[in-house]
Amino acid sequence: MTSSAPLPTPPRRTRGTVIVGLAVLGLAGALYVVRGPLMMSAPRCMAGRWHGCFDTFNGVVLMTLVAVPLSLLVVGALTLGRRAAGVASAWRMSLAEVGMVHGTVPFLWLTLMPGAAPGIAPARVSLVPLRDLVTMGTLGIVGNLLVFASLGFFAPMRFAALASVPRILALGAGCSILVEAAQYVFRLDRVSSVDDVLVNATGAALAALASRHWWRTRADAPSDRPRPALASAA
């Protein structure tokens, strides 16, 4: 009686392709669901109008999606330049750098968007943990989880010093504290809440765990420098 041979382990490239494919399908499904609200802002955004586009949630999300091809072109240009200079992991480094910016700046814009009475309403602070969490609702919690998710996902892929969940958690918390402080200082008619800091940092840490397979290690750090040319034989 012969035992059945173990099934071969899928190659890394196949697993990566499956993950990317599932992510694309999930994003496409989400866009299909929210296509109506996004299209409401399209005429103003395409006309270059500030009001009704960049001062609304739908407009900012729409322009973020429209800018995806431009960001991919930037990734390609950075990758070609680094490969020409002999830098290893050029694609991963370039994707991580552009991904951190493209995925974080729009959420920061939304977070710092003024409320109904900026400069008039008194600054509000909530320092009691979990008190505001129950009033956020599902949409609010998901939105806060995504604020620094791109930073948490891509930062360990780019910087070996950040390839640690506690460090990404601290990074997300520190960035969130700065955002909450800005809301308070500039009196944007937003509540500066400790719960926002907790949820934002948690989102960064969860995103970091999702990209752990591609984290940069300290052994990779020397490859950031161009490879020296081989000396010609005498």
Protein backbone atom coordinates (compact mmCIF):
# COMPACT_ATOMS: atom_id res chain seq x y z
CA MET A 1 0.00 0.00 0.00
CA THR A 2 1.53 3.28 -1.05
CA SER A 3 0.89 6.53 0.77
CA SER A 4 -0.25 9.50 -1.21
CA ALA A 5 2.39 12.12 -1.84
CA PRO A 6 1.91 15.48 -0.10
CA LEU A 7 0.48 18.24 -2.20
CA PRO A 8 3.12 20.68 -3.43
CA THR A 9 3.24 24.08 -1.78
CA PRO A 10 2.13 26.86 -4.16
CA PRO A 11 5.03 29.07 -5.21
CA ARG A 12 5.31 32.51 -3.67
CA ARG A 13 4.47 34.21 -6.94
CA THR A 14 1.23 32.24 -7.22
CA ARG A 15 0.20 33.12 -3.67
CA GLY A 16 1.00 36.76 -4.27
CA THR A 17 -1.02 36.76 -7.49
CA VAL A 18 -4.02 35.23 -5.71
CA ILE A 19 -3.83 37.80 -2.91
CA VAL A 20 -3.59 40.69 -5.35
CA GLY A 21 -6.46 39.27 -7.41
CA LEU A 22 -8.70 38.97 -4.35
CA ALA A 23 -7.81 42.52 -3.31
CA VAL A 24 -8.68 43.83 -6.76
CA LEU A 25 -12.00 41.97 -6.76
CA GLY A 26 -12.83 43.31 -3.30
CA LEU A 27 -12.01 46.87 -4.36
CA ALA A 28 -14.06 46.50 -7.54
CA GLY A 29 -17.03 45.25 -5.52
CA ALA A 30 -16.78 48.13 -3.08
CA LEU A 31 -16.59 50.65 -5.92
CA TYR A 32 -19.66 49.11 -7.55
CA VAL A 33 -21.62 49.59 -4.33
CA VAL A 34 -20.63 53.26 -3.91
CA ARG A 35 -20.58 54.18 -7.60
CA GLY A 36 -23.73 56.30 -7.28
CA PRO A 37 -22.49 58.74 -4.60
CA LEU A 38 -19.09 59.02 -6.27
CA MET A 39 -20.59 59.92 -9.62
CA MET A 40 -22.57 62.73 -8.00
CA SER A 41 -19.28 64.59 -7.44
CA ALA A 42 -17.84 63.78 -10.85
CA PRO A 43 -19.14 66.87 -12.76
CA ARG A 44 -17.70 69.32 -10.22
CA CYS A 45 -14.42 67.45 -9.89
CA MET A 46 -13.93 67.16 -13.64
CA ALA A 47 -14.65 70.89 -13.96
CA GLY A 48 -11.95 71.65 -11.40
CA ARG A 49 -14.35 73.18 -8.89
CA TRP A 50 -13.22 73.21 -5.28
CA HIS A 51 -16.68 73.43 -3.74
CA GLY A 52 -18.55 70.20 -4.13
CA CYS A 53 -15.42 68.20 -4.92
CA PHE A 54 -12.41 68.64 -2.66
CA ASP A 55 -14.50 69.75 0.31
CA THR A 56 -16.68 66.62 0.24
CA PHE A 57 -16.02 63.01 1.15
CA ASN A 58 -17.27 61.68 -2.19
CA GLY A 59 -15.17 64.14 -4.18
CA VAL A 60 -11.94 63.33 -2.34
CA VAL A 61 -12.51 59.58 -2.73
CA LEU A 62 -13.29 60.01 -6.43
CA MET A 63 -10.14 62.06 -7.11
CA THR A 64 -8.07 59.53 -5.15
CA LEU A 65 -9.29 56.79 -7.48
CA VAL A 66 -8.76 58.94 -10.57
CA ALA A 67 -5.15 59.55 -9.50
CA VAL A 68 -4.34 55.82 -9.26
CA PRO A 69 -2.97 55.56 -12.85
CA LEU A 70 -0.71 58.58 -12.21
CA SER A 71 0.62 56.97 -9.04
CA LEU A 72 1.31 53.74 -10.94
CA LEU A 73 3.27 55.73 -13.53
CA VAL A 74 5.33 57.26 -10.73
CA VAL A 75 5.99 53.77 -9.34
CA GLY A 76 7.15 52.62 -12.78
CA ALA A 77 9.43 55.63 -13.25
CA LEU A 78 11.02 55.20 -9.82
CA THR A 79 11.48 51.49 -10.43
CA LEU A 80 13.21 52.02 -13.78
CA GLY A 81 15.52 54.62 -12.29
CA ARG A 82 16.49 52.41 -9.38
CA ARG A 83 17.04 49.36 -11.55
CA ALA A 84 19.28 51.41 -13.82
CA ALA A 85 21.28 52.39 -10.73
CA GLY A 86 21.56 48.75 -9.66
CA VAL A 87 19.32 49.03 -6.58
CA ALA A 88 17.86 45.73 -5.45
CA SER A 89 14.13 45.45 -4.59
CA ALA A 90 13.48 48.51 -6.75
CA TRP A 91 9.84 47.60 -7.40
CA ARG A 92 9.02 46.96 -3.75
CA MET A 93 10.69 50.17 -2.58
CA SER A 94 8.99 52.31 -5.22
CA LEU A 95 5.55 50.78 -4.65
CA ALA A 96 5.88 51.23 -0.88
CA GLU A 97 6.89 54.89 -1.15
CA VAL A 98 4.09 55.85 -3.54
CA GLY A 99 1.57 53.67 -1.71
CA MET A 100 2.26 55.39 1.62
CA VAL A 101 1.63 58.81 0.09
CA HIS A 102 -1.31 57.94 -2.16
CA GLY A 103 -3.12 55.96 0.52
CA THR A 104 -2.52 58.32 3.45
CA VAL A 105 -2.78 61.90 2.17
CA PRO A 106 -6.48 61.66 1.12
CA PHE A 107 -7.47 60.31 4.53
CA LEU A 108 -5.50 63.05 6.26
CA TRP A 109 -7.32 65.57 4.06
CA LEU A 110 -10.68 64.13 5.10
CA THR A 111 -9.68 64.04 8.76
CA LEU A 112 -8.59 67.69 8.73
CA MET A 113 -11.62 68.84 6.75
CA PRO A 114 -13.43 71.54 8.80
CA GLY A 115 -16.82 70.93 10.33
CA ALA A 116 -19.86 73.18 10.14
CA ALA A 117 -18.47 76.04 12.24
CA PRO A 118 -14.66 76.17 12.05
CA GLY A 119 -13.10 78.91 14.17
CA ILE A 120 -16.45 79.59 15.84
CA ALA A 121 -17.36 76.40 17.68
CA PRO A 122 -15.25 75.79 20.79
CA ALA A 123 -12.49 73.19 20.57
CA ARG A 124 -13.65 69.85 21.94
CA VAL A 125 -11.49 67.14 23.52
CA SER A 126 -12.46 63.65 24.67
CA LEU A 127 -9.80 61.96 26.81
CA VAL A 128 -11.92 59.11 28.23
CA PRO A 129 -11.03 55.87 26.39
CA LEU A 130 -13.86 54.00 24.63
CA ARG A 131 -16.45 56.69 25.38
CA ASP A 132 -16.66 57.92 21.78
CA LEU A 133 -16.20 54.46 20.29
CA VAL A 134 -19.82 53.49 20.90
CA THR A 135 -21.04 56.59 19.04
CA MET A 136 -18.78 56.23 15.98
CA GLY A 137 -20.90 53.63 14.25
CA THR A 138 -19.62 51.04 11.80
CA LEU A 139 -18.75 53.56 9.10
CA GLY A 140 -16.85 55.76 11.54
CA ILE A 141 -14.83 52.85 12.93
CA VAL A 142 -13.96 51.55 9.46
CA GLY A 143 -12.96 55.03 8.34
CA ASN A 144 -10.67 55.51 11.34
CA LEU A 145 -9.10 52.11 10.78
CA LEU A 146 -8.20 53.18 7.23
CA VAL A 147 -6.63 56.56 8.06
CA PHE A 148 -3.13 55.17 8.55
CA ALA A 149 -3.70 51.72 7.08
CA SER A 150 -1.60 52.47 3.99
CA LEU A 151 1.20 53.80 6.17
CA GLY A 152 1.10 50.65 8.29
CA PHE A 153 0.94 48.39 5.23
CA PHE A 154 3.78 49.92 3.22
CA ALA A 155 6.16 51.40 5.82
CA PRO A 156 7.60 48.00 6.92
CA MET A 157 8.06 47.10 3.25
CA ARG A 158 10.21 50.19 2.75
CA PHE A 159 12.04 50.64 6.05
CA ALA A 160 13.62 47.75 7.93
CA ALA A 161 13.62 49.80 11.13
CA LEU A 162 9.79 49.80 11.08
CA ALA A 163 9.37 46.07 10.42
CA SER A 164 7.71 45.44 13.77
CA VAL A 165 4.07 45.56 14.84
CA PRO A 166 4.77 47.51 18.07
CA ARG A 167 6.76 50.10 16.10
CA ILE A 168 4.01 50.50 13.52
CA LEU A 169 1.48 50.76 16.36
CA ALA A 170 3.58 53.53 17.91
CA LEU A 171 3.97 55.23 14.52
CA GLY A 172 0.23 55.18 13.91
CA ALA A 173 -0.47 56.49 17.41
CA GLY A 174 2.10 59.28 17.06
CA CYS A 175 0.76 60.41 13.69
CA SER A 176 -2.81 60.28 14.98
CA ILE A 177 -1.90 62.40 18.02
CA LEU A 178 -0.49 65.04 15.67
CA VAL A 179 -3.72 65.03 13.65
CA GLU A 180 -5.91 65.33 16.73
CA ALA A 181 -3.71 68.16 18.03
CA ALA A 182 -4.05 69.98 14.68
CA GLN A 183 -7.83 69.65 14.86
CA TYR A 184 -7.77 71.24 18.29
CA VAL A 185 -5.25 74.00 17.56
CA PHE A 186 -6.88 75.13 14.30
CA ARG A 187 -10.40 74.83 15.77
CA LEU A 188 -11.78 72.82 12.89
CA ASP A 189 -15.03 72.04 14.70
CA ARG A 190 -13.93 68.43 15.12
CA VAL A 191 -13.67 66.40 18.33
CA SER A 192 -10.09 65.54 19.28
CA SER A 193 -10.63 62.11 20.79
CA VAL A 194 -8.36 59.52 22.34
CA ASP A 195 -10.55 56.87 20.72
CA ASP A 196 -9.56 58.18 17.30
CA VAL A 197 -5.92 57.66 18.25
CA LEU A 198 -6.60 54.11 19.45
CA VAL A 199 -8.56 53.09 16.35
CA ASN A 200 -6.15 54.78 13.91
CA ALA A 201 -3.17 53.04 15.50
CA THR A 202 -5.00 49.71 15.48
CA GLY A 203 -5.73 50.11 11.77
CA ALA A 204 -2.04 50.74 11.05
CA ALA A 205 -1.02 47.65 13.03
CA LEU A 206 -3.59 45.41 11.33
CA ALA A 207 -2.47 46.61 7.91
CA ALA A 208 1.14 45.91 8.86
CA LEU A 209 0.21 42.34 9.73
CA ALA A 210 -1.43 41.99 6.32
CA SER A 211 1.84 42.91 4.57
CA ARG A 212 4.12 40.91 6.84
CA HIS A 213 5.09 38.53 4.04
CA TRP A 214 6.75 41.42 2.18
CA TRP A 215 8.37 43.18 5.13
CA ARG A 216 11.86 44.50 4.67
CA THR A 217 14.49 42.96 6.96
CA ARG A 218 17.72 44.45 8.20
CA ALA A 219 19.57 41.97 6.00
CA ASP A 220 18.02 43.76 3.00
CA ALA A 221 19.14 47.21 4.11
CA PRO A 222 22.53 47.26 2.33
CA SER A 223 20.74 46.58 -0.97
CA ASP A 224 19.31 50.11 -0.89
CA ARG A 225 22.66 51.32 -2.17
CA PRO A 226 23.63 50.86 -5.83
CA ARG A 227 25.63 47.75 -6.47
CA PRO A 228 29.31 48.55 -7.10
CA ALA A 229 30.62 47.76 -10.56
CA LEU A 230 33.00 44.86 -10.79
CA ALA A 231 36.61 45.88 -11.22
CA SER A 232 38.04 44.92 -14.56
CA ALA A 233 40.75 42.29 -14.57
CA ALA A 234 44.29 43.63 -14.93
